[in-house]
């Protein structure tokens, strides 16, 4: 009776390219990749909640201004994180020299 075959590499050298070990997961290698969409989502949420509560008359104008500043800061963080993620990707795929 034959044993069922297991998927994936079975021996040394299989699953590797010419002796180059397999790379780790994309998101483990580049933590900035997850920060950008989270920051954009946070800014969108702040603006949505601010708009709803201001329209209902439950939010004073001073807090609206504070919310706009907070949303702008989150947007800035998202843009910075997107730029950092692109640099990390380029460095990981030999597009940039090492260093920051």
PDB file of N, CA and C in Angstrom:
ATOM      1  N   UNK A   1       0.839  -1.164   0.000  1.00  0.00           N
ATOM      2  CA  UNK A   1       0.000   0.000   0.000  1.00  0.00           C
ATOM      3  C   UNK A   1       0.896   1.242   0.000  1.00  0.00           C
ATOM      4  N   UNK A   2       0.640   2.161  -0.902  1.00  0.00           N
ATOM      5  CA  UNK A   2       1.467   3.352  -1.055  1.00  0.00           C
ATOM      6  C   UNK A   2       1.064   4.422  -0.036  1.00  0.00           C
ATOM      7  N   UNK A   3       2.070   5.137   0.425  1.00  0.00           N
ATOM      8  CA  UNK A   3       1.820   6.239   1.360  1.00  0.00           C
ATOM      9  C   UNK A   3       1.360   7.470   0.576  1.00  0.00           C
ATOM     10  N   UNK A   4       0.386   8.243   1.113  1.00  0.00           N
ATOM     11  CA  UNK A   4      -0.022   9.476   0.407  1.00  0.00           C
ATOM     12  C   UNK A   4       1.112  10.495   0.431  1.00  0.00           C
ATOM     13  N   UNK A   5       1.252  11.214  -0.663  1.00  0.00           N
ATOM     14  CA  UNK A   5       2.310  12.216  -0.754  1.00  0.00           C
ATOM     15  C   UNK A   5       1.879  13.491  -0.044  1.00  0.00           C
ATOM     16  N   UNK A   6       2.830  14.072   0.654  1.00  0.00           N
ATOM     17  CA  UNK A   6       2.592  15.330   1.344  1.00  0.00           C
ATOM     18  C   UNK A   6       2.986  16.483   0.421  1.00  0.00           C
ATOM     19  N   UNK A   7       2.221  17.585   0.425  1.00  0.00           N
ATOM     20  CA  UNK A   7       2.594  18.725  -0.418  1.00  0.00           C
ATOM     21  C   UNK A   7       3.824  19.438   0.133  1.00  0.00           C
ATOM     22  N   UNK A   8       4.496  20.155  -0.734  1.00  0.00           N
ATOM     23  CA  UNK A   8       5.633  20.964  -0.317  1.00  0.00           C
ATOM     24  C   UNK A   8       6.955  20.284  -0.574  1.00  0.00           C
ATOM     25  N   UNK A   9       8.051  20.969  -0.205  1.00  0.00           N
ATOM     26  CA  UNK A   9       9.385  20.418  -0.424  1.00  0.00           C
ATOM     27  C   UNK A   9       9.589  19.135   0.373  1.00  0.00           C
ATOM     28  N   UNK A  10      10.280  18.162  -0.228  1.00  0.00           N
ATOM     29  CA  UNK A  10      10.479  16.877   0.419  1.00  0.00           C
ATOM     30  C   UNK A  10      11.940  16.603   0.758  1.00  0.00           C
ATOM     31  N   UNK A  11      12.836  17.310   0.173  1.00  0.00           N
ATOM     32  CA  UNK A  11      14.233  17.003   0.423  1.00  0.00           C
ATOM     33  C   UNK A  11      15.076  18.264   0.404  1.00  0.00           C
ATOM     34  N   UNK A  12      16.361  18.107   0.727  1.00  0.00           N
ATOM     35  CA  UNK A  12      17.229  19.284   0.682  1.00  0.00           C
ATOM     36  C   UNK A  12      17.365  19.795  -0.744  1.00  0.00           C
ATOM     37  N   UNK A  13      17.202  21.087  -0.892  1.00  0.00           N
ATOM     38  CA  UNK A  13      17.317  21.687  -2.212  1.00  0.00           C
ATOM     39  C   UNK A  13      15.995  21.849  -2.921  1.00  0.00           C
ATOM     40  N   UNK A  14      15.003  21.071  -2.547  1.00  0.00           N
ATOM     41  CA  UNK A  14      13.699  21.221  -3.182  1.00  0.00           C
ATOM     42  C   UNK A  14      12.995  22.439  -2.593  1.00  0.00           C
ATOM     43  N   UNK A  15      12.375  23.209  -3.415  1.00  0.00           N
ATOM     44  CA  UNK A  15      11.693  24.411  -2.968  1.00  0.00           C
ATOM     45  C   UNK A  15      12.619  25.612  -2.857  1.00  0.00           C
ATOM     46  N   UNK A  16      13.868  25.428  -3.168  1.00  0.00           N
ATOM     47  CA  UNK A  16      14.833  26.518  -3.141  1.00  0.00           C
ATOM     48  C   UNK A  16      15.363  26.728  -4.549  1.00  0.00           C
ATOM     49  N   UNK A  17      15.795  27.965  -4.822  1.00  0.00           N
ATOM     50  CA  UNK A  17      16.370  28.268  -6.126  1.00  0.00           C
ATOM     51  C   UNK A  17      17.886  28.264  -6.011  1.00  0.00           C
ATOM     52  N   UNK A  18      18.531  27.327  -6.627  1.00  0.00           N
ATOM     53  CA  UNK A  18      19.996  27.270  -6.760  1.00  0.00           C
ATOM     54  C   UNK A  18      20.704  27.569  -5.441  1.00  0.00           C
ATOM     55  N   UNK A  19      20.231  26.963  -4.352  1.00  0.00           N
ATOM     56  CA  UNK A  19      20.899  27.132  -3.074  1.00  0.00           C
ATOM     57  C   UNK A  19      20.504  28.367  -2.295  1.00  0.00           C
ATOM     58  N   UNK A  20      19.613  29.190  -2.828  1.00  0.00           N
ATOM     59  CA  UNK A  20      19.154  30.384  -2.109  1.00  0.00           C
ATOM     60  C   UNK A  20      17.992  29.970  -1.224  1.00  0.00           C
ATOM     61  N   UNK A  21      18.084  30.186   0.085  1.00  0.00           N
ATOM     62  CA  UNK A  21      16.983  29.771   0.963  1.00  0.00           C
ATOM     63  C   UNK A  21      15.721  30.591   0.695  1.00  0.00           C
ATOM     64  N   UNK A  22      14.576  29.988   0.973  1.00  0.00           N
ATOM     65  CA  UNK A  22      13.306  30.679   0.781  1.00  0.00           C
ATOM     66  C   UNK A  22      13.222  31.866   1.724  1.00  0.00           C
ATOM     67  N   UNK A  23      12.623  32.957   1.251  1.00  0.00           N
ATOM     68  CA  UNK A  23      12.491  34.157   2.068  1.00  0.00           C
ATOM     69  C   UNK A  23      11.342  34.014   3.050  1.00  0.00           C
ATOM     70  N   UNK A  24      11.396  34.826   4.091  1.00  0.00           N
ATOM     71  CA  UNK A  24      10.310  34.808   5.068  1.00  0.00           C
ATOM     72  C   UNK A  24       9.088  35.510   4.479  1.00  0.00           C
ATOM     73  N   UNK A  25       8.022  35.520   5.223  1.00  0.00           N
ATOM     74  CA  UNK A  25       6.768  36.102   4.759  1.00  0.00           C
ATOM     75  C   UNK A  25       6.944  37.585   4.445  1.00  0.00           C
ATOM     76  N   UNK A  26       6.174  38.069   3.483  1.00  0.00           N
ATOM     77  CA  UNK A  26       6.253  39.461   3.048  1.00  0.00           C
ATOM     78  C   UNK A  26       5.942  40.415   4.187  1.00  0.00           C
ATOM     79  N   UNK A  27       4.909  40.149   4.960  1.00  0.00           N
ATOM     80  CA  UNK A  27       4.501  41.069   6.014  1.00  0.00           C
ATOM     81  C   UNK A  27       5.438  41.012   7.213  1.00  0.00           C
ATOM     82  N   UNK A  28       6.107  39.911   7.431  1.00  0.00           N
ATOM     83  CA  UNK A  28       7.088  39.854   8.500  1.00  0.00           C
ATOM     84  C   UNK A  28       8.309  40.681   8.119  1.00  0.00           C
ATOM     85  N   UNK A  29       8.660  40.642   6.867  1.00  0.00           N
ATOM     86  CA  UNK A  29       9.835  41.360   6.392  1.00  0.00           C
ATOM     87  C   UNK A  29       9.585  42.864   6.295  1.00  0.00           C
ATOM     88  N   UNK A  30       8.334  43.287   6.110  1.00  0.00           N
ATOM     89  CA  UNK A  30       8.040  44.695   5.921  1.00  0.00           C
ATOM     90  C   UNK A  30       6.862  45.112   6.809  1.00  0.00           C
ATOM     91  N   UNK A  31       7.136  45.485   8.049  1.00  0.00           N
ATOM     92  CA  UNK A  31       6.037  45.866   8.941  1.00  0.00           C
ATOM     93  C   UNK A  31       5.367  47.173   8.551  1.00  0.00           C
ATOM     94  N   UNK A  32       6.004  48.001   7.761  1.00  0.00           N
ATOM     95  CA  UNK A  32       5.404  49.278   7.353  1.00  0.00           C
ATOM     96  C   UNK A  32       4.240  49.077   6.394  1.00  0.00           C
ATOM     97  N   UNK A  33       4.195  47.934   5.732  1.00  0.00           N
ATOM     98  CA  UNK A  33       3.153  47.681   4.745  1.00  0.00           C
ATOM     99  C   UNK A  33       1.761  47.702   5.377  1.00  0.00           C
ATOM    100  N   UNK A  34       1.626  47.307   6.637  1.00  0.00           N
ATOM    101  CA  UNK A  34       0.327  47.266   7.300  1.00  0.00           C
ATOM    102  C   UNK A  34      -0.033  48.599   7.959  1.00  0.00           C
ATOM    103  N   UNK A  35       0.957  49.448   8.204  1.00  0.00           N
ATOM    104  CA  UNK A  35       0.705  50.710   8.909  1.00  0.00           C
ATOM    105  C   UNK A  35      -0.031  51.697   8.013  1.00  0.00           C
ATOM    106  N   UNK A  36       0.319  51.753   6.737  1.00  0.00           N
ATOM    107  CA  UNK A  36      -0.285  52.734   5.830  1.00  0.00           C
ATOM    108  C   UNK A  36      -1.799  52.570   5.707  1.00  0.00           C
ATOM    109  N   UNK A  37      -2.325  51.394   5.385  1.00  0.00           N
ATOM    110  CA  UNK A  37      -3.783  51.285   5.294  1.00  0.00           C
ATOM    111  C   UNK A  37      -4.480  51.488   6.635  1.00  0.00           C
ATOM    112  N   UNK A  38      -3.824  51.106   7.724  1.00  0.00           N
ATOM    113  CA  UNK A  38      -4.425  51.329   9.042  1.00  0.00           C
ATOM    114  C   UNK A  38      -4.542  52.826   9.343  1.00  0.00           C
ATOM    115  N   UNK A  39      -3.524  53.585   8.983  1.00  0.00           N
ATOM    116  CA  UNK A  39      -3.567  55.032   9.213  1.00  0.00           C
ATOM    117  C   UNK A  39      -4.626  55.694   8.332  1.00  0.00           C
ATOM    118  N   UNK A  40      -4.720  55.280   7.071  1.00  0.00           N
ATOM    119  CA  UNK A  40      -5.746  55.853   6.192  1.00  0.00           C
ATOM    120  C   UNK A  40      -7.146  55.493   6.685  1.00  0.00           C
ATOM    121  N   UNK A  41      -7.319  54.272   7.155  1.00  0.00           N
ATOM    122  CA  UNK A  41      -8.609  53.867   7.710  1.00  0.00           C
ATOM    123  C   UNK A  41      -8.944  54.634   8.971  1.00  0.00           C
ATOM    124  N   UNK A  42      -7.951  54.882   9.810  1.00  0.00           N
ATOM    125  CA  UNK A  42      -8.172  55.670  11.021  1.00  0.00           C
ATOM    126  C   UNK A  42      -8.573  57.098  10.713  1.00  0.00           C
ATOM    127  N   UNK A  43      -7.915  57.710   9.745  1.00  0.00           N
ATOM    128  CA  UNK A  43      -8.276  59.076   9.354  1.00  0.00           C
ATOM    129  C   UNK A  43      -9.688  59.124   8.792  1.00  0.00           C
ATOM    130  N   UNK A  44     -10.048  58.149   7.993  1.00  0.00           N
ATOM    131  CA  UNK A  44     -11.395  58.096   7.426  1.00  0.00           C
ATOM    132  C   UNK A  44     -12.446  57.928   8.515  1.00  0.00           C
ATOM    133  N   UNK A  45     -12.160  57.090   9.492  1.00  0.00           N
ATOM    134  CA  UNK A  45     -13.100  56.860  10.588  1.00  0.00           C
ATOM    135  C   UNK A  45     -13.286  58.120  11.424  1.00  0.00           C
ATOM    136  N   UNK A  46     -12.202  58.798  11.732  1.00  0.00           N
ATOM    137  CA  UNK A  46     -12.292  60.036  12.510  1.00  0.00           C
ATOM    138  C   UNK A  46     -13.134  61.068  11.767  1.00  0.00           C
ATOM    139  N   UNK A  47     -12.901  61.214  10.471  1.00  0.00           N
ATOM    140  CA  UNK A  47     -13.668  62.196   9.697  1.00  0.00           C
ATOM    141  C   UNK A  47     -15.141  61.814   9.605  1.00  0.00           C
ATOM    142  N   UNK A  48     -15.439  60.530   9.455  1.00  0.00           N
ATOM    143  CA  UNK A  48     -16.830  60.090   9.370  1.00  0.00           C
ATOM    144  C   UNK A  48     -17.572  60.323  10.680  1.00  0.00           C
ATOM    145  N   UNK A  49     -16.969  59.933  11.792  1.00  0.00           N
ATOM    146  CA  UNK A  49     -17.609  60.117  13.093  1.00  0.00           C
ATOM    147  C   UNK A  49     -17.783  61.602  13.398  1.00  0.00           C
ATOM    148  N   UNK A  50     -16.783  62.398  13.079  1.00  0.00           N
ATOM    149  CA  UNK A  50     -16.875  63.843  13.301  1.00  0.00           C
ATOM    150  C   UNK A  50     -18.019  64.441  12.491  1.00  0.00           C
ATOM    151  N   UNK A  51     -18.136  64.048  11.236  1.00  0.00           N
ATOM    152  CA  UNK A  51     -19.194  64.580  10.374  1.00  0.00           C
ATOM    153  C   UNK A  51     -20.575  64.209  10.898  1.00  0.00           C
ATOM    154  N   UNK A  52     -20.738  62.969  11.305  1.00  0.00           N
ATOM    155  CA  UNK A  52     -22.052  62.512  11.793  1.00  0.00           C
ATOM    156  C   UNK A  52     -22.444  63.250  13.062  1.00  0.00           C
ATOM    157  N   UNK A  53     -21.560  63.320  14.027  1.00  0.00           N
ATOM    158  CA  UNK A  53     -21.915  63.962  15.289  1.00  0.00           C
ATOM    159  C   UNK A  53     -22.048  65.474  15.159  1.00  0.00           C
ATOM    160  N   UNK A  54     -21.272  66.100  14.276  1.00  0.00           N
ATOM    161  CA  UNK A  54     -21.428  67.534  14.052  1.00  0.00           C
ATOM    162  C   UNK A  54     -22.759  67.814  13.359  1.00  0.00           C
ATOM    163  N   UNK A  55     -23.138  66.958  12.427  1.00  0.00           N
ATOM    164  CA  UNK A  55     -24.418  67.141  11.729  1.00  0.00           C
ATOM    165  C   UNK A  55     -25.596  66.955  12.692  1.00  0.00           C
ATOM    166  N   UNK A  56     -25.457  66.105  13.679  1.00  0.00           N
ATOM    167  CA  UNK A  56     -26.507  65.907  14.671  1.00  0.00           C
ATOM    168  C   UNK A  56     -26.515  66.999  15.732  1.00  0.00           C
ATOM    169  N   UNK A  57     -25.542  67.884  15.699  1.00  0.00           N
ATOM    170  CA  UNK A  57     -25.471  68.970  16.659  1.00  0.00           C
ATOM    171  C   UNK A  57     -24.917  68.555  18.006  1.00  0.00           C
ATOM    172  N   UNK A  58     -24.220  67.440  18.071  1.00  0.00           N
ATOM    173  CA  UNK A  58     -23.699  66.918  19.334  1.00  0.00           C
ATOM    174  C   UNK A  58     -22.214  67.201  19.535  1.00  0.00           C
ATOM    175  N   UNK A  59     -21.606  67.906  18.606  1.00  0.00           N
ATOM    176  CA  UNK A  59     -20.162  68.133  18.688  1.00  0.00           C
ATOM    177  C   UNK A  59     -19.874  69.620  18.501  1.00  0.00           C
ATOM    178  N   UNK A  60     -19.244  70.255  19.489  1.00  0.00           N
ATOM    179  CA  UNK A  60     -18.913  71.675  19.329  1.00  0.00           C
ATOM    180  C   UNK A  60     -17.829  71.888  18.270  1.00  0.00           C
ATOM    181  N   UNK A  61     -17.785  73.085  17.752  1.00  0.00           N
ATOM    182  CA  UNK A  61     -16.860  73.412  16.664  1.00  0.00           C
ATOM    183  C   UNK A  61     -15.398  73.211  17.074  1.00  0.00           C
ATOM    184  N   UNK A  62     -15.076  73.476  18.332  1.00  0.00           N
ATOM    185  CA  UNK A  62     -13.685  73.299  18.788  1.00  0.00           C
ATOM    186  C   UNK A  62     -13.261  71.836  18.667  1.00  0.00           C
ATOM    187  N   UNK A  63     -14.161  70.909  18.979  1.00  0.00           N
ATOM    188  CA  UNK A  63     -13.817  69.496  18.840  1.00  0.00           C
ATOM    189  C   UNK A  63     -13.751  69.058  17.377  1.00  0.00           C
ATOM    190  N   UNK A  64     -14.506  69.720  16.526  1.00  0.00           N
ATOM    191  CA  UNK A  64     -14.411  69.432  15.089  1.00  0.00           C
ATOM    192  C   UNK A  64     -13.014  69.800  14.585  1.00  0.00           C
ATOM    193  N   UNK A  65     -12.525  70.957  15.007  1.00  0.00           N
ATOM    194  CA  UNK A  65     -11.178  71.380  14.599  1.00  0.00           C
ATOM    195  C   UNK A  65     -10.134  70.399  15.137  1.00  0.00           C
ATOM    196  N   UNK A  66     -10.294  69.984  16.386  1.00  0.00           N
ATOM    197  CA  UNK A  66      -9.362  69.006  16.958  1.00  0.00           C
ATOM    198  C   UNK A  66      -9.403  67.686  16.189  1.00  0.00           C
ATOM    199  N   UNK A  67     -10.587  67.252  15.787  1.00  0.00           N
ATOM    200  CA  UNK A  67     -10.726  66.019  15.008  1.00  0.00           C
ATOM    201  C   UNK A  67     -10.073  66.152  13.642  1.00  0.00           C
ATOM    202  N   UNK A  68     -10.197  67.318  13.028  1.00  0.00           N
ATOM    203  CA  UNK A  68      -9.558  67.538  11.730  1.00  0.00           C
ATOM    204  C   UNK A  68      -8.034  67.487  11.846  1.00  0.00           C
ATOM    205  N   UNK A  69      -7.507  68.044  12.928  1.00  0.00           N
ATOM    206  CA  UNK A  69      -6.055  67.997  13.145  1.00  0.00           C
ATOM    207  C   UNK A  69      -5.607  66.552  13.356  1.00  0.00           C
ATOM    208  N   UNK A  70      -6.378  65.800  14.143  1.00  0.00           N
ATOM    209  CA  UNK A  70      -6.050  64.390  14.381  1.00  0.00           C
ATOM    210  C   UNK A  70      -6.114  63.581  13.084  1.00  0.00           C
ATOM    211  N   UNK A  71      -7.127  63.836  12.260  1.00  0.00           N
ATOM    212  CA  UNK A  71      -7.243  63.126  10.982  1.00  0.00           C
ATOM    213  C   UNK A  71      -6.092  63.494  10.040  1.00  0.00           C
ATOM    214  N   UNK A  72      -5.690  64.761  10.054  1.00  0.00           N
ATOM    215  CA  UNK A  72      -4.558  65.174   9.214  1.00  0.00           C
ATOM    216  C   UNK A  72      -3.262  64.497   9.676  1.00  0.00           C
ATOM    217  N   UNK A  73      -3.105  64.339  10.994  1.00  0.00           N
ATOM    218  CA  UNK A  73      -1.917  63.651  11.508  1.00  0.00           C
ATOM    219  C   UNK A  73      -1.931  62.175  11.095  1.00  0.00           C
ATOM    220  N   UNK A  74      -3.091  61.537  11.150  1.00  0.00           N
ATOM    221  CA  UNK A  74      -3.192  60.141  10.729  1.00  0.00           C
ATOM    222  C   UNK A  74      -2.913  60.001   9.234  1.00  0.00           C
ATOM    223  N   UNK A  75      -3.390  60.951   8.446  1.00  0.00           N
ATOM    224  CA  UNK A  75      -3.112  60.936   7.008  1.00  0.00           C
ATOM    225  C   UNK A  75      -1.617  61.095   6.749  1.00  0.00           C
ATOM    226  N   UNK A  76      -0.980  61.997   7.477  1.00  0.00           N
ATOM    227  CA  UNK A  76       0.467  62.178   7.342  1.00  0.00           C
ATOM    228  C   UNK A  76       1.238  60.920   7.707  1.00  0.00           C
ATOM    229  N   UNK A  77       0.811  60.242   8.782  1.00  0.00           N
ATOM    230  CA  UNK A  77       1.443  58.982   9.157  1.00  0.00           C
ATOM    231  C   UNK A  77       1.267  57.938   8.063  1.00  0.00           C
ATOM    232  N   UNK A  78       0.089  57.898   7.449  1.00  0.00           N
ATOM    233  CA  UNK A  78      -0.157  56.945   6.372  1.00  0.00           C
ATOM    234  C   UNK A  78       0.735  57.197   5.163  1.00  0.00           C
ATOM    235  N   UNK A  79       0.898  58.461   4.812  1.00  0.00           N
ATOM    236  CA  UNK A  79       1.770  58.792   3.678  1.00  0.00           C
ATOM    237  C   UNK A  79       3.227  58.454   3.981  1.00  0.00           C
ATOM    238  N   UNK A  80       3.653  58.744   5.214  1.00  0.00           N
ATOM    239  CA  UNK A  80       5.021  58.400   5.622  1.00  0.00           C
ATOM    240  C   UNK A  80       5.226  56.890   5.604  1.00  0.00           C
ATOM    241  N   UNK A  81       4.246  56.148   6.132  1.00  0.00           N
ATOM    242  CA  UNK A  81       4.366  54.689   6.175  1.00  0.00           C
ATOM    243  C   UNK A  81       4.381  54.096   4.773  1.00  0.00           C
ATOM    244  N   UNK A  82       3.609  54.666   3.870  1.00  0.00           N
ATOM    245  CA  UNK A  82       3.607  54.164   2.491  1.00  0.00           C
ATOM    246  C   UNK A  82       4.972  54.373   1.841  1.00  0.00           C
ATOM    247  N   UNK A  83       5.593  55.540   2.115  1.00  0.00           N
ATOM    248  CA  UNK A  83       6.915  55.806   1.565  1.00  0.00           C
ATOM    249  C   UNK A  83       7.962  54.870   2.161  1.00  0.00           C
ATOM    250  N   UNK A  84       7.891  54.644   3.471  1.00  0.00           N
ATOM    251  CA  UNK A  84       8.830  53.726   4.116  1.00  0.00           C
ATOM    252  C   UNK A  84       8.651  52.296   3.612  1.00  0.00           C
ATOM    253  N   UNK A  85       7.397  51.891   3.412  1.00  0.00           N
ATOM    254  CA  UNK A  85       7.136  50.545   2.905  1.00  0.00           C
ATOM    255  C   UNK A  85       7.722  50.373   1.509  1.00  0.00           C
ATOM    256  N   UNK A  86       7.606  51.391   0.684  1.00  0.00           N
ATOM    257  CA  UNK A  86       8.166  51.313  -0.665  1.00  0.00           C
ATOM    258  C   UNK A  86       9.689  51.207  -0.612  1.00  0.00           C
ATOM    259  N   UNK A  87      10.310  51.923   0.304  1.00  0.00           N
ATOM    260  CA  UNK A  87      11.771  51.856   0.434  1.00  0.00           C
ATOM    261  C   UNK A  87      12.217  50.490   0.942  1.00  0.00           C
ATOM    262  N   UNK A  88      11.482  49.943   1.910  1.00  0.00           N
ATOM    263  CA  UNK A  88      11.837  48.618   2.433  1.00  0.00           C
ATOM    264  C   UNK A  88      11.678  47.570   1.334  1.00  0.00           C
ATOM    265  N   UNK A  89      10.609  47.681   0.550  1.00  0.00           N
ATOM    266  CA  UNK A  89      10.413  46.746  -0.561  1.00  0.00           C
ATOM    267  C   UNK A  89      11.539  46.859  -1.582  1.00  0.00           C
ATOM    268  N   UNK A  90      11.891  48.083  -1.915  1.00  0.00           N
ATOM    269  CA  UNK A  90      12.947  48.274  -2.911  1.00  0.00           C
ATOM    270  C   UNK A  90      14.273  47.714  -2.405  1.00  0.00           C
ATOM    271  N   UNK A  91      14.560  47.903  -1.136  1.00  0.00           N
ATOM    272  CA  UNK A  91      15.794  47.376  -0.575  1.00  0.00           C
ATOM    273  C   UNK A  91      15.753  45.851  -0.521  1.00  0.00           C
ATOM    274  N   UNK A  92      14.596  45.289  -0.193  1.00  0.00           N
ATOM    275  CA  UNK A  92      14.486  43.831  -0.101  1.00  0.00           C
ATOM    276  C   UNK A  92      14.645  43.181  -1.470  1.00  0.00           C
ATOM    277  N   UNK A  93      14.248  43.869  -2.501  1.00  0.00           N
ATOM    278  CA  UNK A  93      14.341  43.304  -3.852  1.00  0.00           C
ATOM    279  C   UNK A  93      15.495  43.928  -4.634  1.00  0.00           C
ATOM    280  N   UNK A  94      16.523  44.373  -3.902  1.00  0.00           N
ATOM    281  CA  UNK A  94      17.768  44.889  -4.482  1.00  0.00           C
ATOM    282  C   UNK A  94      17.564  46.134  -5.341  1.00  0.00           C
ATOM    283  N   UNK A  95      16.633  46.997  -4.959  1.00  0.00           N
ATOM    284  CA  UNK A  95      16.426  48.228  -5.706  1.00  0.00           C
ATOM    285  C   UNK A  95      17.165  49.401  -5.102  1.00  0.00           C
ATOM    286  N   UNK A  96      17.543  49.305  -3.828  1.00  0.00           N
ATOM    287  CA  UNK A  96      18.253  50.381  -3.149  1.00  0.00           C
ATOM    288  C   UNK A  96      19.448  49.811  -2.407  1.00  0.00           C
ATOM    289  N   UNK A  97      20.449  50.628  -2.185  1.00  0.00           N
ATOM    290  CA  UNK A  97      21.586  50.160  -1.388  1.00  0.00           C
ATOM    291  C   UNK A  97      21.180  50.024   0.075  1.00  0.00           C
ATOM    292  N   UNK A  98      21.924  49.241   0.864  1.00  0.00           N
ATOM    293  CA  UNK A  98      21.597  49.110   2.284  1.00  0.00           C
ATOM    294  C   UNK A  98      21.763  50.445   2.998  1.00  0.00           C
ATOM    295  N   UNK A  99      21.067  50.606   4.070  1.00  0.00           N
ATOM    296  CA  UNK A  99      21.126  51.841   4.839  1.00  0.00           C
ATOM    297  C   UNK A  99      19.860  52.622   4.675  1.00  0.00           C
ATOM    298  N   UNK A 100      19.698  53.625   5.517  1.00  0.00           N
ATOM    299  CA  UNK A 100      18.461  54.400   5.494  1.00  0.00           C
ATOM    300  C   UNK A 100      18.655  55.823   5.114  1.00  0.00           C
TER     301      UNK A 100
END
